[in-house]
């Protein structure tokens, strides 16, 4: 597998050979802890088929205490769990299973965003293993020496954590240790923040070891969902950014089971709005899959989930079944669309959309523009009023893109001007993308249709 690097424009991620890398992530938090070898194979085969190329996984702690075991009964560290004494003894250790997972991911062309620790493991008084810079440095160095030779690694510090002043030396130590342990074989590094926040707010913008930045728009919102509101601070740094934990499919809004659950249409809406607002990728999530819950969903330690599973209406058939939910199956069409046109010159272009606030009351439209093309997203199939004159070209080719099927259908040709386009269907779950192409491309239908000039 190729290593990843930051594109020269500072906005996007690419492969070593210069081709675009669209970060299509999945929150697989407890994969190392909760899956057997066969289950890892099953999970990754499905996600690869769905075009996911990054899995975000926790190495130490996760949602479990330090004394937990993985599915093979192995601990990550040795009892009494009061120091970093890595349990690598005997046959098929915890860390051997980690190696297996990384090998399996490489087979499927998947990168693993490795979180060294998670949330409460940073917090005092629970933070018994990391009391300052040096223990974090030692762990980071050991970790990088063990797995840092692989190309399919992304380092993801943090983990849904509110950064307190004393934690900076922990993250600085982890980063320095990782850099020392991986030597010249460096990998991209980022930071996963707490909900409704971003890397800049939590860790600041002066950490040179961060190659790209993340937000967590998360699951607690009011009646609207505005993932792009977390982007401006990150965009100002000149580094790539993305939403590393968006609202989960099947998760209840606001953590209140009497309200709505996010469905596939909601997942697509948040994802398209994020990408058209300048994000270099998107992370999907489903609470059943993220923690790999088995029927009847009783083994997860969080009492809120256990006590309210039935009320929340979660998929009680377990993670195997939840893998195929609509959002997970259709996000690949966002990646397909994004890679279908010149990749690195796309920028947010809200000025293209002329709809009034009333037009967008039940679904905010978003738009982005490349050098000679544009994408405009209508989440509920409402008509799109667009200023095509902003695309500097002799004529435009207009087409509809269906985010539910990945199909593109020609509408017409027109001169660059203001125009109104009405999608084929309308309502919740009937989202559409209007594509306006200019410039010179090999369009087979050129000459078959007249340029519209109404």
Protein backbone atom coordinates (compact mmCIF):
# COMPACT_ATOMS: atom_id res chain seq x y z
CA UNK A 1 0.00 0.00 0.00
CA UNK A 2 1.07 3.54 -0.67
CA UNK A 3 1.70 5.95 2.18
CA UNK A 4 -0.45 9.04 2.48
CA UNK A 5 0.71 12.64 2.36
CA UNK A 6 -0.72 16.14 2.24
CA UNK A 7 -1.25 17.69 -1.18
CA UNK A 8 0.81 20.76 -2.00
CA UNK A 9 -2.24 23.03 -1.77
CA UNK A 10 -2.59 22.06 1.91
CA UNK A 11 -6.31 21.32 1.58
CA UNK A 12 -6.48 17.66 0.72
CA UNK A 13 -4.85 14.26 1.27
CA UNK A 14 -3.21 12.25 -1.49
CA UNK A 15 -1.38 9.01 -2.09
CA UNK A 16 2.39 9.10 -2.49
CA UNK A 17 2.04 8.94 -6.26
CA UNK A 18 -0.04 12.14 -6.27
CA UNK A 19 -3.46 10.62 -6.87
CA UNK A 20 -6.33 11.84 -4.65
CA UNK A 21 -7.18 10.10 -1.39
CA UNK A 22 -10.77 10.64 -0.28
CA UNK A 23 -10.92 9.75 3.43
CA UNK A 24 -13.97 7.47 3.75
CA UNK A 25 -13.83 6.42 7.38
CA UNK A 26 -15.80 4.21 9.71
CA UNK A 27 -15.82 4.41 13.51
CA UNK A 28 -14.66 0.91 14.43
CA UNK A 29 -13.72 1.85 17.96
CA UNK A 30 -13.68 -1.60 19.62
CA UNK A 31 -12.55 -3.76 16.72
CA UNK A 32 -9.33 -4.89 18.40
CA UNK A 33 -11.20 -5.83 21.57
CA UNK A 34 -14.51 -7.29 20.38
CA UNK A 35 -13.86 -9.22 17.14
CA UNK A 36 -12.39 -12.62 16.37
CA UNK A 37 -10.20 -13.22 13.32
CA UNK A 38 -13.15 -14.45 11.27
CA UNK A 39 -15.24 -11.48 12.29
CA UNK A 40 -12.47 -9.04 11.38
CA UNK A 41 -12.35 -10.66 7.94
CA UNK A 42 -16.12 -10.40 7.54
CA UNK A 43 -16.28 -6.81 8.74
CA UNK A 44 -13.45 -5.59 6.52
CA UNK A 45 -14.69 -7.42 3.44
CA UNK A 46 -18.07 -5.67 3.70
CA UNK A 47 -16.58 -2.26 4.42
CA UNK A 48 -14.13 -2.61 1.51
CA UNK A 49 -17.04 -3.50 -0.77
CA UNK A 50 -18.75 -0.31 0.44
CA UNK A 51 -15.57 1.64 -0.45
CA UNK A 52 -14.56 2.52 3.10
CA UNK A 53 -10.80 3.04 3.17
CA UNK A 54 -10.14 4.10 6.80
CA UNK A 55 -11.18 2.39 10.04
CA UNK A 56 -10.79 4.36 13.27
CA UNK A 57 -9.83 1.91 16.05
CA UNK A 58 -8.79 2.22 19.70
CA UNK A 59 -5.73 0.31 20.87
CA UNK A 60 -5.62 0.75 24.61
CA UNK A 61 -8.70 1.02 26.76
CA UNK A 62 -11.48 1.73 24.38
CA UNK A 63 -14.80 1.63 26.18
CA UNK A 64 -13.39 -0.97 28.57
CA UNK A 65 -11.23 -0.73 31.73
CA UNK A 66 -7.56 -1.67 31.63
CA UNK A 67 -8.26 -5.20 32.87
CA UNK A 68 -10.48 -6.20 29.93
CA UNK A 69 -9.57 -9.02 27.58
CA UNK A 70 -10.09 -9.36 23.85
CA UNK A 71 -12.08 -12.20 22.27
CA UNK A 72 -9.12 -14.53 22.82
CA UNK A 73 -8.90 -13.77 26.52
CA UNK A 74 -5.72 -11.69 26.25
CA UNK A 75 -4.93 -8.44 28.08
CA UNK A 76 -3.05 -5.56 26.42
CA UNK A 77 -0.98 -5.09 29.59
CA UNK A 78 -0.10 -7.44 32.42
CA UNK A 79 -1.82 -7.54 35.82
CA UNK A 80 -2.09 -5.69 38.13
CA UNK A 81 -2.58 -3.13 35.32
CA UNK A 82 -0.82 -0.31 37.14
CA UNK A 83 2.00 0.22 34.63
CA UNK A 84 2.68 -0.18 30.93
CA UNK A 85 3.94 -3.75 31.07
CA UNK A 86 2.83 -4.97 27.65
CA UNK A 87 1.50 -8.51 27.58
CA UNK A 88 3.23 -9.99 24.54
CA UNK A 89 4.04 -13.36 26.10
CA UNK A 90 2.79 -16.72 24.91
CA UNK A 91 0.79 -17.69 21.86
CA UNK A 92 -1.32 -15.12 20.03
CA UNK A 93 -1.12 -12.16 22.39
CA UNK A 94 -3.38 -9.13 22.34
CA UNK A 95 -0.75 -7.38 20.23
CA UNK A 96 -0.52 -10.33 17.85
CA UNK A 97 -4.24 -9.87 17.23
CA UNK A 98 -3.62 -6.20 16.52
CA UNK A 99 -1.01 -7.28 13.96
CA UNK A 100 -3.54 -9.64 12.38
CA UNK A 101 -6.10 -6.82 12.07
CA UNK A 102 -3.55 -4.53 10.44
CA UNK A 103 -2.52 -7.29 8.02
CA UNK A 104 -6.16 -7.94 7.14
CA UNK A 105 -6.75 -4.22 6.55
CA UNK A 106 -3.77 -4.06 4.20
CA UNK A 107 -5.17 -7.00 2.23
CA UNK A 108 -8.36 -5.00 1.64
CA UNK A 109 -6.57 -1.73 0.88
CA UNK A 110 -7.75 -0.16 4.14
CA UNK A 111 -5.88 2.27 6.39
CA UNK A 112 -6.23 2.04 10.17
CA UNK A 113 -6.49 5.31 12.08
CA UNK A 114 -4.91 4.12 15.33
CA UNK A 115 -6.01 5.79 18.55
CA UNK A 116 -3.35 4.93 21.18
CA UNK A 117 -5.86 5.55 24.00
CA UNK A 118 -9.43 6.73 24.51
CA UNK A 119 -11.26 9.42 26.48
CA UNK A 120 -11.25 8.52 30.18
CA UNK A 121 -7.79 6.99 29.98
CA UNK A 122 -6.43 10.54 29.82
CA UNK A 123 -8.45 11.82 32.77
CA UNK A 124 -7.31 12.11 36.37
CA UNK A 125 -7.76 10.20 38.64
CA UNK A 126 -8.40 7.38 36.10
CA UNK A 127 -5.19 8.26 34.31
CA UNK A 128 -2.98 5.90 36.28
CA UNK A 129 -0.62 4.92 33.47
CA UNK A 130 0.15 8.34 32.02
CA UNK A 131 1.22 10.90 34.57
CA UNK A 132 3.20 13.16 32.27
CA UNK A 133 5.28 13.50 29.14
CA UNK A 134 7.70 10.61 29.63
CA UNK A 135 5.26 7.69 30.07
CA UNK A 136 3.32 8.92 27.02
CA UNK A 137 6.56 9.24 25.05
CA UNK A 138 7.65 5.72 26.02
CA UNK A 139 4.27 4.26 24.98
CA UNK A 140 4.26 6.15 21.68
CA UNK A 141 7.79 5.00 20.88
CA UNK A 142 7.06 1.37 21.75
CA UNK A 143 3.88 1.46 19.69
CA UNK A 144 5.55 2.98 16.63
CA UNK A 145 8.44 0.53 16.84
CA UNK A 146 5.96 -2.35 16.84
CA UNK A 147 3.52 -1.29 14.10
CA UNK A 148 4.99 1.86 12.55
CA UNK A 149 6.78 -0.02 9.77
CA UNK A 150 3.43 -0.45 8.03
CA UNK A 151 2.20 1.99 5.39
CA UNK A 152 -1.51 1.63 6.22
CA UNK A 153 -1.29 3.55 9.51
CA UNK A 154 -2.73 6.96 10.43
CA UNK A 155 -2.03 8.16 13.96
CA UNK A 156 -5.10 9.63 15.66
CA UNK A 157 -4.43 11.15 19.07
CA UNK A 158 -7.19 12.12 21.47
CA UNK A 159 -10.47 10.25 21.42
CA UNK A 160 -13.62 12.16 22.38
CA UNK A 161 -11.72 13.95 25.14
CA UNK A 162 -12.03 17.42 26.60
CA UNK A 163 -8.43 18.57 26.74
CA UNK A 164 -7.40 19.85 30.16
CA UNK A 165 -4.13 21.78 30.64
CA UNK A 166 -2.17 18.84 32.03
CA UNK A 167 -3.08 16.69 29.01
CA UNK A 168 -0.99 18.72 26.57
CA UNK A 169 2.19 17.08 27.77
CA UNK A 170 0.56 13.67 27.29
CA UNK A 171 -0.32 14.39 23.67
CA UNK A 172 3.03 16.05 23.03
CA UNK A 173 4.77 13.03 24.56
CA UNK A 174 2.75 10.55 22.52
CA UNK A 175 3.47 12.44 19.30
CA UNK A 176 7.20 12.76 20.04
CA UNK A 177 7.46 9.10 20.98
CA UNK A 178 5.66 8.01 17.83
CA UNK A 179 7.93 10.17 15.68
CA UNK A 180 10.99 8.70 17.38
CA UNK A 181 9.74 5.13 17.03
CA UNK A 182 8.77 5.30 13.37
CA UNK A 183 11.98 7.00 12.26
CA UNK A 184 11.97 7.93 8.58
CA UNK A 185 8.80 5.95 7.87
CA UNK A 186 6.50 8.74 9.01
CA UNK A 187 2.70 8.65 8.81
CA UNK A 188 0.00 11.27 8.91
CA UNK A 189 -1.10 12.32 12.38
CA UNK A 190 -4.31 13.96 13.57
CA UNK A 191 -6.46 14.46 16.70
CA UNK A 192 -10.02 13.31 17.46
CA UNK A 193 -11.82 15.89 19.68
CA UNK A 194 -14.85 15.72 21.93
CA UNK A 195 -18.37 16.20 20.61
CA UNK A 196 -19.44 19.51 19.07
CA UNK A 197 -15.84 20.64 18.93
CA UNK A 198 -12.72 20.45 16.78
CA UNK A 199 -8.97 20.01 17.02
CA UNK A 200 -8.27 23.75 17.12
CA UNK A 201 -10.64 24.37 20.03
CA UNK A 202 -9.33 21.43 22.03
CA UNK A 203 -5.61 21.24 21.28
CA UNK A 204 -4.87 24.56 19.62
CA UNK A 205 -3.43 25.23 16.18
CA UNK A 206 0.28 25.33 17.10
CA UNK A 207 0.96 21.58 17.16
CA UNK A 208 3.35 20.99 14.28
CA UNK A 209 2.92 17.23 14.55
CA UNK A 210 -0.70 17.45 13.36
CA UNK A 211 -0.92 16.96 9.60
CA UNK A 212 -4.68 17.31 9.31
CA UNK A 213 -7.44 18.33 11.71
CA UNK A 214 -10.75 16.84 12.81
CA UNK A 215 -14.10 17.84 14.19
CA UNK A 216 -16.74 15.75 15.91
CA UNK A 217 -20.14 17.11 14.98
CA UNK A 218 -21.48 14.16 16.93
CA UNK A 219 -24.95 13.35 18.16
CA UNK A 220 -26.07 16.24 20.37
CA UNK A 221 -27.75 18.91 18.27
CA UNK A 222 -30.77 21.15 18.32
CA UNK A 223 -33.40 20.80 15.63
CA UNK A 224 -30.92 21.53 12.86
CA UNK A 225 -27.67 19.81 12.00
CA UNK A 226 -24.78 22.03 10.97
CA UNK A 227 -21.56 19.98 10.70
CA UNK A 228 -19.89 22.72 8.66
CA UNK A 229 -20.16 25.17 11.56
CA UNK A 230 -17.10 23.47 13.08
CA UNK A 231 -14.96 23.95 9.97
CA UNK A 232 -13.94 27.66 9.73
CA UNK A 233 -11.36 27.57 12.56
CA UNK A 234 -9.73 24.50 11.06
CA UNK A 235 -9.79 25.91 7.53
CA UNK A 236 -7.94 29.03 8.72
CA UNK A 237 -4.92 26.91 9.68
CA UNK A 238 -4.30 25.95 6.06
CA UNK A 239 -4.36 22.24 6.89
CA UNK A 240 -6.83 19.62 5.60
CA UNK A 241 -9.77 18.88 7.87
CA UNK A 242 -12.69 16.48 8.13
CA UNK A 243 -15.52 15.42 10.42
CA UNK A 244 -14.06 12.39 12.22
CA UNK A 245 -17.31 11.53 14.00
CA UNK A 246 -20.52 12.68 12.44
CA UNK A 247 -23.99 11.74 13.66
CA UNK A 248 -24.35 7.96 13.67
CA UNK A 249 -26.87 6.14 11.57
CA UNK A 250 -29.53 4.65 13.91
CA UNK A 251 -28.41 6.90 16.78
CA UNK A 252 -31.05 9.03 18.46
CA UNK A 253 -30.76 12.79 18.02
CA UNK A 254 -29.78 14.59 21.21
CA UNK A 255 -29.42 11.24 22.99
CA UNK A 256 -33.16 11.38 23.60
CA UNK A 257 -35.00 8.23 22.55
CA UNK A 258 -38.34 10.03 22.35
CA UNK A 259 -36.99 12.09 19.45
CA UNK A 260 -35.92 10.94 16.00
CA UNK A 261 -33.18 8.52 14.99
CA UNK A 262 -30.72 9.54 12.30
CA UNK A 263 -31.41 7.52 9.15
CA UNK A 264 -29.57 6.99 5.88
CA UNK A 265 -30.89 10.22 4.39
CA UNK A 266 -29.62 12.19 7.40
CA UNK A 267 -26.22 10.55 7.06
CA UNK A 268 -25.95 11.55 3.41
CA UNK A 269 -27.09 15.09 4.10
CA UNK A 270 -24.41 15.65 6.73
CA UNK A 271 -21.74 14.04 4.56
CA UNK A 272 -22.49 15.98 1.36
CA UNK A 273 -22.70 19.25 3.26
CA UNK A 274 -19.35 18.54 4.90
CA UNK A 275 -17.59 17.69 1.65
CA UNK A 276 -19.04 20.69 -0.18
CA UNK A 277 -17.86 22.85 2.74
CA UNK A 278 -14.26 21.85 2.04
CA UNK A 279 -13.70 18.68 4.09
CA UNK A 280 -11.11 16.24 2.74
CA UNK A 281 -13.24 13.25 3.66
CA UNK A 282 -15.94 12.00 5.98
CA UNK A 283 -16.35 9.46 8.77
CA UNK A 284 -19.46 7.30 9.07
CA UNK A 285 -20.68 5.64 12.23
CA UNK A 286 -23.32 3.31 13.59
CA UNK A 287 -23.44 2.66 17.37
CA UNK A 288 -24.08 -1.05 16.89
CA UNK A 289 -21.08 -1.42 14.59
CA UNK A 290 -18.76 1.03 16.35
CA UNK A 291 -18.84 -1.09 19.52
CA UNK A 292 -19.57 -4.38 17.70
CA UNK A 293 -22.63 -5.23 19.73
CA UNK A 294 -24.08 -8.71 19.44
CA UNK A 295 -27.72 -9.71 19.65
CA UNK A 296 -29.40 -8.89 22.00
CA UNK A 297 -27.12 -5.87 22.60
CA UNK A 298 -26.54 -6.48 26.29
CA UNK A 299 -22.76 -6.64 26.53
CA UNK A 300 -21.95 -2.95 26.03
CA UNK A 301 -20.87 -1.43 29.34
CA UNK A 302 -22.49 1.96 28.87
CA UNK A 303 -25.68 1.81 30.98
CA UNK A 304 -27.41 4.40 28.84
CA UNK A 305 -27.23 2.16 25.78
CA UNK A 306 -28.19 -1.00 27.64
CA UNK A 307 -31.15 0.59 29.43
CA UNK A 308 -32.58 2.26 26.37
CA UNK A 309 -31.84 -0.04 23.44
CA UNK A 310 -35.47 -1.03 22.98
CA UNK A 311 -36.74 2.53 23.36
CA UNK A 312 -34.13 3.83 20.90
CA UNK A 313 -35.26 1.39 18.27
CA UNK A 314 -31.76 0.17 17.50
CA UNK A 315 -31.17 -2.78 15.21
CA UNK A 316 -31.36 -5.55 17.79
CA UNK A 317 -29.97 -8.09 15.32
CA UNK A 318 -26.43 -6.97 16.11
CA UNK A 319 -23.51 -5.51 14.19
CA UNK A 320 -23.50 -8.15 11.43
CA UNK A 321 -26.92 -6.94 10.31
CA UNK A 322 -26.26 -3.23 10.89
CA UNK A 323 -23.30 -3.30 8.48
CA UNK A 324 -25.71 -3.05 5.56
CA UNK A 325 -27.82 -0.11 6.64
CA UNK A 326 -28.66 2.52 4.02
CA UNK A 327 -26.16 5.19 5.01
CA UNK A 328 -23.25 2.76 4.98
CA UNK A 329 -24.30 1.37 1.61
CA UNK A 330 -24.79 4.72 -0.15
CA UNK A 331 -21.89 6.90 1.04
CA UNK A 332 -19.68 5.29 -1.60
CA UNK A 333 -21.54 7.36 -4.16
CA UNK A 334 -20.27 10.55 -2.53
CA UNK A 335 -16.73 9.27 -2.97
CA UNK A 336 -17.53 8.32 -6.57
CA UNK A 337 -18.86 11.81 -7.30
CA UNK A 338 -15.95 13.55 -5.63
CA UNK A 339 -13.39 11.55 -7.61
CA UNK A 340 -15.22 11.97 -10.92
CA UNK A 341 -13.96 15.53 -11.51
CA UNK A 342 -10.61 17.29 -10.98
CA UNK A 343 -10.10 16.70 -7.29
CA UNK A 344 -7.72 19.19 -5.76
CA UNK A 345 -9.26 22.47 -6.97
CA UNK A 346 -12.71 22.04 -5.39
CA UNK A 347 -13.66 24.87 -3.00
CA UNK A 348 -16.87 25.78 -1.13
CA UNK A 349 -19.13 28.01 -3.26
CA UNK A 350 -22.29 28.92 -1.34
CA UNK A 351 -22.66 31.94 -3.64
CA UNK A 352 -23.83 29.60 -6.41
CA UNK A 353 -27.10 28.93 -4.58
CA UNK A 354 -29.76 31.63 -4.98
CA UNK A 355 -32.51 29.96 -2.95
CA UNK A 356 -34.03 31.96 -0.11
CA UNK A 357 -33.97 30.83 3.52
CA UNK A 358 -37.59 29.75 3.14
CA UNK A 359 -36.55 27.48 0.26
CA UNK A 360 -34.05 25.79 2.56
CA UNK A 361 -36.18 25.64 5.70
CA UNK A 362 -36.41 21.83 5.57
CA UNK A 363 -32.95 21.11 4.23
CA UNK A 364 -29.98 23.38 3.67
CA UNK A 365 -28.52 23.36 0.18
CA UNK A 366 -24.77 23.41 -0.25
CA UNK A 367 -22.45 23.97 -3.18
CA UNK A 368 -18.82 23.62 -4.19
CA UNK A 369 -16.99 24.63 -7.34
CA UNK A 370 -13.87 23.51 -9.18
CA UNK A 371 -12.07 25.34 -11.95
CA UNK A 372 -14.78 24.57 -14.53
CA UNK A 373 -17.45 22.56 -12.75
CA UNK A 374 -19.80 22.77 -9.77
CA UNK A 375 -21.80 20.52 -7.44
CA UNK A 376 -25.01 21.72 -5.75
CA UNK A 377 -26.74 19.48 -3.21
CA UNK A 378 -30.47 19.53 -2.48
CA UNK A 379 -31.16 17.23 0.50
CA UNK A 380 -34.92 16.97 0.04
CA UNK A 381 -35.24 17.38 -3.70
CA UNK A 382 -36.35 21.00 -3.57
CA UNK A 383 -35.76 23.06 -6.70
CA UNK A 384 -32.31 24.59 -7.05
CA UNK A 385 -31.87 28.21 -8.08
CA UNK A 386 -28.31 28.59 -9.27
CA UNK A 387 -26.09 31.34 -10.64
CA UNK A 388 -24.31 29.48 -13.41
CA UNK A 389 -22.66 32.69 -14.61
CA UNK A 390 -20.07 32.24 -11.86
CA UNK A 391 -18.61 29.30 -13.81
CA UNK A 392 -16.37 30.87 -16.42
CA UNK A 393 -16.96 28.78 -19.52
CA UNK A 394 -18.63 29.06 -22.94
CA UNK A 395 -21.44 26.67 -22.10
CA UNK A 396 -22.54 24.33 -19.31
CA UNK A 397 -23.60 20.73 -19.28
CA UNK A 398 -26.21 20.19 -16.54
CA UNK A 399 -26.91 16.75 -15.09
CA UNK A 400 -28.55 15.15 -12.08
CA UNK A 401 -26.56 12.87 -9.80
CA UNK A 402 -28.50 10.45 -7.61
CA UNK A 403 -26.75 10.02 -4.18
CA UNK A 404 -28.83 6.89 -3.55
CA UNK A 405 -27.71 5.02 -6.67
CA UNK A 406 -24.61 6.80 -8.01
CA UNK A 407 -26.28 7.32 -11.39
CA UNK A 408 -25.74 10.48 -13.45
CA UNK A 409 -28.34 11.67 -15.96
CA UNK A 410 -28.01 14.47 -18.51
CA UNK A 411 -30.51 17.33 -18.25
CA UNK A 412 -29.46 19.83 -20.91
CA UNK A 413 -26.83 22.25 -22.16
CA UNK A 414 -27.15 25.93 -21.38
CA UNK A 415 -25.22 29.15 -21.46
CA UNK A 416 -23.68 30.15 -18.10
CA UNK A 417 -26.49 32.12 -16.45
CA UNK A 418 -28.98 32.07 -13.63
CA UNK A 419 -31.32 29.12 -13.88
CA UNK A 420 -33.77 26.95 -11.93
CA UNK A 421 -33.53 23.17 -11.85
CA UNK A 422 -36.26 20.92 -10.47
CA UNK A 423 -35.20 17.42 -9.31
CA UNK A 424 -37.08 14.37 -10.49
CA UNK A 425 -38.40 13.52 -7.01
CA UNK A 426 -38.98 15.43 -3.80
CA UNK A 427 -39.30 14.69 -0.09
CA UNK A 428 -37.33 13.24 2.80
CA UNK A 429 -34.71 10.85 1.48
CA UNK A 430 -35.00 12.18 -2.09
CA UNK A 431 -31.68 14.02 -2.22
CA UNK A 432 -30.10 15.13 -5.49
CA UNK A 433 -26.88 16.74 -6.70
CA UNK A 434 -26.96 19.13 -9.62
CA UNK A 435 -23.70 18.93 -11.62
CA UNK A 436 -22.70 21.80 -13.89
CA UNK A 437 -19.77 21.02 -16.18
CA UNK A 438 -17.90 23.49 -18.37
CA UNK A 439 -14.59 23.40 -20.17
CA UNK A 440 -13.58 20.76 -22.68
CA UNK A 441 -14.46 17.16 -21.90
CA UNK A 442 -15.24 14.10 -23.95
CA UNK A 443 -19.02 14.20 -23.81
CA UNK A 444 -20.45 11.58 -26.16
CA UNK A 445 -23.80 13.33 -26.28
CA UNK A 446 -22.35 16.60 -27.64
CA UNK A 447 -24.01 17.33 -30.98
CA UNK A 448 -27.05 15.25 -30.09
CA UNK A 449 -28.74 17.98 -28.06
CA UNK A 450 -29.22 21.66 -28.67
CA UNK A 451 -27.84 24.21 -26.22
CA UNK A 452 -30.74 25.46 -24.15
CA UNK A 453 -31.06 29.25 -24.18
CA UNK A 454 -34.35 29.87 -22.47
